[in-house]
Amino acid sequence: MITKKICIDSMDKITSFVKIINEYHGRFDLVSGSCRVNAKSVMGIFSLDISRPVELYIYNEDHADYIVKALSPYIVNPKKANLAHV
């Protein structure tokens, strides 16, 4: 399993994220606090607090590099995230 922190804080981002993630086979979960939903489900995503970055769990490790590259616009850069707290 691979974990990435992502930001999908608008309807446009949610729609395009789900479109991309549905191009890949396997299981993908989004986690915010104690809530875990299927990352391929728009309705599930709406049950999360998307005002903050959420964790994406990628269980398809065979194609993880391709998936991470496709989702790169949504992945939170750890360096930028650390600077925001300074």
Protein backbone atom coordinates (compact mmCIF):
# COMPACT_ATOMS: atom_id res chain seq x y z
CA MET A 1 0.00 0.00 0.00
CA ILE A 2 1.17 3.52 -0.82
CA THR A 3 -0.14 6.61 0.94
CA LYS A 4 -0.23 10.14 -0.48
CA LYS A 5 -1.71 13.32 0.94
CA ILE A 6 -3.96 14.99 -1.65
CA CYS A 7 -5.99 18.16 -1.96
CA ILE A 8 -9.41 17.96 -3.66
CA ASP A 9 -11.07 21.03 -2.17
CA SER A 10 -13.45 21.97 -4.99
CA MET A 11 -16.14 20.35 -7.14
CA ASP A 12 -13.94 20.62 -10.24
CA LYS A 13 -11.04 18.89 -8.48
CA ILE A 14 -13.29 16.12 -7.17
CA THR A 15 -14.77 15.48 -10.60
CA SER A 16 -11.43 15.34 -12.39
CA PHE A 17 -9.81 13.29 -9.58
CA VAL A 18 -12.57 10.66 -9.76
CA LYS A 19 -12.34 10.54 -13.55
CA ILE A 20 -8.59 9.85 -13.35
CA ILE A 21 -8.78 7.32 -10.51
CA ASN A 22 -11.50 5.36 -12.32
CA GLU A 23 -9.09 4.73 -15.19
CA TYR A 24 -7.14 2.35 -12.93
CA HIS A 25 -8.07 -1.05 -11.56
CA GLY A 26 -7.74 -1.83 -7.91
CA ARG A 27 -8.73 -0.41 -4.59
CA PHE A 28 -8.23 3.22 -3.62
CA ASP A 29 -9.41 4.72 -0.35
CA LEU A 30 -9.60 8.30 0.89
CA VAL A 31 -9.25 8.87 4.62
CA SER A 32 -10.11 11.99 6.58
CA GLY A 33 -10.03 11.57 10.35
CA SER A 34 -11.94 8.40 11.17
CA CYS A 35 -13.84 8.32 7.83
CA ARG A 36 -12.68 6.02 5.03
CA VAL A 37 -14.40 6.02 1.62
CA ASN A 38 -13.90 4.54 -1.81
CA ALA A 39 -11.83 7.09 -3.78
CA LYS A 40 -13.78 6.18 -6.94
CA SER A 41 -17.05 7.40 -5.41
CA VAL A 42 -18.04 11.05 -5.80
CA MET A 43 -20.77 10.58 -3.20
CA GLY A 44 -18.29 9.04 -0.78
CA ILE A 45 -15.91 11.96 -1.20
CA PHE A 46 -18.69 14.39 -0.29
CA SER A 47 -18.93 12.72 3.12
CA LEU A 48 -15.34 13.77 3.91
CA ASP A 49 -13.99 17.05 5.20
CA ILE A 50 -12.27 18.18 2.01
CA SER A 51 -11.42 21.62 3.33
CA ARG A 52 -8.10 20.04 4.34
CA PRO A 53 -5.87 17.55 2.52
CA VAL A 54 -6.93 13.91 2.84
CA GLU A 55 -4.94 10.69 2.70
CA LEU A 56 -5.12 8.55 -0.45
CA TYR A 57 -4.36 4.86 0.05
CA ILE A 58 -3.29 3.14 -3.15
CA TYR A 59 -3.49 -0.65 -2.99
CA ASN A 60 -2.52 -1.20 -6.65
CA GLU A 61 1.25 -1.25 -6.11
CA ASP A 62 1.96 -2.76 -9.55
CA HIS A 63 0.96 0.49 -11.26
CA ALA A 64 1.51 2.92 -8.37
CA ASP A 65 4.12 4.98 -10.24
CA TYR A 66 1.69 5.64 -13.10
CA ILE A 67 -1.15 6.40 -10.72
CA VAL A 68 0.93 8.83 -8.65
CA LYS A 69 2.10 10.57 -11.82
CA ALA A 70 -1.48 10.89 -13.12
CA LEU A 71 -2.60 12.31 -9.77
CA SER A 72 0.38 14.64 -9.32
CA PRO A 73 -1.75 17.83 -9.62
CA TYR A 74 -3.63 16.74 -6.47
CA ILE A 75 -0.71 15.51 -4.38
CA VAL A 76 0.34 17.89 -1.63
CA ASN A 77 4.02 18.78 -1.83
CA PRO A 78 5.45 18.11 1.64
CA LYS A 79 7.93 20.98 1.33
CA LYS A 80 5.16 23.48 0.57
CA ALA A 81 2.99 22.06 3.35
CA ASN A 82 5.82 22.56 5.87
CA LEU A 83 6.39 26.15 4.75
CA ALA A 84 2.73 26.97 5.31
CA HIS A 85 3.16 26.34 9.04
CA VAL A 86 6.20 28.62 9.47
